[in-house]
C-alpha atoms as a PDB file:
ATOM      1  CA  GLN A   1      33.401  42.039-281.173  1.00  0.00           C
ATOM      2  CA  ASP A   2      32.132  39.512-283.692  1.00  0.00           C
ATOM      3  CA  THR A   3      34.049  40.884-286.685  1.00  0.00           C
ATOM      4  CA  LEU A   4      37.460  41.501-285.109  1.00  0.00           C
ATOM      5  CA  LYS A   5      37.202  38.611-282.638  1.00  0.00           C
ATOM      6  CA  LYS A   6      38.555  40.866-279.891  1.00  0.00           C
ATOM      7  CA  ASP A   7      37.237  41.716-276.432  1.00  0.00           C
ATOM      8  CA  PRO A   8      36.154  45.394-276.367  1.00  0.00           C
ATOM      9  CA  PHE A   9      36.404  45.355-272.549  1.00  0.00           C
ATOM     10  CA  SER A  10      40.090  44.323-272.538  1.00  0.00           C
ATOM     11  CA  GLY A  11      41.463  47.844-272.136  1.00  0.00           C
ATOM     12  CA  HIS A  12      42.763  47.999-275.708  1.00  0.00           C
ATOM     13  CA  LEU A  13      41.996  50.901-278.018  1.00  0.00           C
ATOM     14  CA  PHE A  14      40.182  50.174-281.271  1.00  0.00           C
ATOM     15  CA  ALA A  15      40.730  52.685-284.082  1.00  0.00           C
ATOM     16  CA  PHE A  16      38.603  52.995-287.206  1.00  0.00           C
ATOM     17  CA  ARG A  17      38.964  55.330-290.180  1.00  0.00           C
ATOM     18  CA  GLY A  18      36.252  56.678-292.463  1.00  0.00           C
ATOM     19  CA  LYS A  19      36.210  55.898-296.190  1.00  0.00           C
ATOM     20  CA  LYS A  20      37.643  59.290-297.152  1.00  0.00           C
ATOM     21  CA  ALA A  21      40.378  59.055-294.459  1.00  0.00           C
ATOM     22  CA  SER A  22      39.284  62.374-292.963  1.00  0.00           C
ATOM     23  CA  ILE A  23      37.597  60.914-289.866  1.00  0.00           C
ATOM     24  CA  LEU A  24      39.200  58.789-287.163  1.00  0.00           C
ATOM     25  CA  LYS A  25      37.228  57.062-284.405  1.00  0.00           C
ATOM     26  CA  VAL A  26      38.782  55.390-281.368  1.00  0.00           C
ATOM     27  CA  LEU A  27      36.677  53.141-279.148  1.00  0.00           C
ATOM     28  CA  PHE A  28      37.823  52.172-275.657  1.00  0.00           C
ATOM     29  CA  TRP A  29      36.514  50.879-272.353  1.00  0.00           C
ATOM     30  CA  ASP A  30      37.320  53.124-269.375  1.00  0.00           C
ATOM     31  CA  GLY A  31      36.086  50.703-266.723  1.00  0.00           C
ATOM     32  CA  ASN A  32      32.707  52.391-266.499  1.00  0.00           C
ATOM     33  CA  GLY A  33      31.510  52.401-270.104  1.00  0.00           C
ATOM     34  CA  LEU A  34      32.569  52.430-273.724  1.00  0.00           C
ATOM     35  CA  CYS A  35      34.013  55.767-274.846  1.00  0.00           C
ATOM     36  CA  LEU A  36      34.169  57.036-278.411  1.00  0.00           C
ATOM     37  CA  PHE A  37      36.816  59.565-279.440  1.00  0.00           C
ATOM     38  CA  THR A  38      36.211  61.129-282.867  1.00  0.00           C
ATOM     39  CA  LYS A  39      38.506  63.453-284.793  1.00  0.00           C
ATOM     40  CA  ARG A  40      38.034  65.046-288.210  1.00  0.00           C
ATOM     41  CA  ILE A  41      41.082  66.342-290.022  1.00  0.00           C
ATOM     42  CA  ASP A  42      40.627  69.391-292.268  1.00  0.00           C
ATOM     43  CA  GLN A  43      43.584  68.936-294.629  1.00  0.00           C
ATOM     44  CA  GLY A  44      44.975  65.671-295.925  1.00  0.00           C
ATOM     45  CA  GLY A  45      43.914  62.463-294.282  1.00  0.00           C
ATOM     46  CA  PHE A  46      44.798  59.987-291.594  1.00  0.00           C
ATOM     47  CA  VAL A  47      47.567  57.682-292.840  1.00  0.00           C
ATOM     48  CA  TRP A  48      46.358  54.176-292.192  1.00  0.00           C
ATOM     49  CA  PRO A  49      48.775  51.322-291.451  1.00  0.00           C
ATOM     50  CA  VAL A  50      48.911  48.387-293.843  1.00  0.00           C
ATOM     51  CA  MET A  51      47.169  45.450-292.242  1.00  0.00           C
ATOM     52  CA  ALA A  52      49.392  42.395-292.077  1.00  0.00           C
ATOM     53  CA  GLY A  53      47.577  39.457-290.573  1.00  0.00           C
ATOM     54  CA  TYR A  54      44.583  37.310-291.143  1.00  0.00           C
ATOM     55  CA  ASP A  55      42.354  38.818-288.470  1.00  0.00           C
ATOM     56  CA  GLY A  56      42.146  42.341-289.910  1.00  0.00           C
ATOM     57  CA  SER A  57      43.812  44.026-286.951  1.00  0.00           C
ATOM     58  CA  ILE A  58      47.298  45.296-286.167  1.00  0.00           C
ATOM     59  CA  THR A  59      49.079  46.542-283.076  1.00  0.00           C
ATOM     60  CA  LEU A  60      50.446  50.086-282.907  1.00  0.00           C
ATOM     61  CA  THR A  61      52.999  51.453-280.484  1.00  0.00           C
ATOM     62  CA  PRO A  62      51.893  54.418-278.357  1.00  0.00           C
ATOM     63  CA  ALA A  63      54.078  56.682-280.537  1.00  0.00           C
ATOM     64  CA  GLN A  64      52.465  55.387-283.750  1.00  0.00           C
ATOM     65  CA  LEU A  65      48.990  55.908-282.291  1.00  0.00           C
ATOM     66  CA  ALA A  66      49.873  59.459-281.223  1.00  0.00           C
ATOM     67  CA  MET A  67      51.126  60.287-284.723  1.00  0.00           C
ATOM     68  CA  LEU A  68      48.047  58.687-286.297  1.00  0.00           C
ATOM     69  CA  ILE A  69      45.760  60.832-284.130  1.00  0.00           C
ATOM     70  CA  GLU A  70      47.745  63.972-285.001  1.00  0.00           C
ATOM     71  CA  GLY A  71      47.496  63.216-288.734  1.00  0.00           C
ATOM     72  CA  ILE A  72      51.253  62.693-289.091  1.00  0.00           C
ATOM     73  CA  ASP A  73      52.484  60.118-291.597  1.00  0.00           C
ATOM     74  CA  TRP A  74      53.984  57.828-288.953  1.00  0.00           C
ATOM     75  CA  ARG A  75      55.841  55.786-291.598  1.00  0.00           C
ATOM     76  CA  ALA A  76      58.116  58.747-292.362  1.00  0.00           C
ATOM     77  CA  PRO A  77      57.603  61.510-289.764  1.00  0.00           C
ATOM     78  CA  GLU A  78      59.096  64.895-290.466  1.00  0.00           C
ATOM     79  CA  SER A  79      58.741  68.296-288.953  1.00  0.00           C
ATOM     80  CA  VAL A  80      57.391  70.767-291.488  1.00  0.00           C
ATOM     81  CA  TRP A  81      56.277  73.685-289.319  1.00  0.00           C
ATOM     82  CA  LYS A  82      58.867  76.289-288.354  1.00  0.00           C
ATOM     83  CA  PRO A  83      58.168  79.374-286.248  1.00  0.00           C
ATOM     84  CA  ALA A  84      58.496  82.725-288.043  1.00  0.00           C
ATOM     85  CA  ILE A  85      60.325  84.406-285.142  1.00  0.00           C
ATOM     86  CA  ALA A  86      61.906  83.322-281.896  1.00  0.00           C
ATOM     87  CA  GLY A  87      60.641  84.641-278.578  1.00  0.00           C
END
């Protein structure tokens, strides 16, 4: 609250990444309390957006947030998994 100068009770999601980019934490207010969602990725790392702005925060679209949580490089998404057989 003091560092980002944002209201944690506003309904916005606040995402933070660990130093090694293998851990993502999302903090949000659900109307009853603060919730913390944590995800560790086994291979690669979470691709972090470049921060443009003086306040140290950026706004992501819902699609960008979904790709960030899934560990997809949201700057250049591509499908790399293909099923071996159909059916």
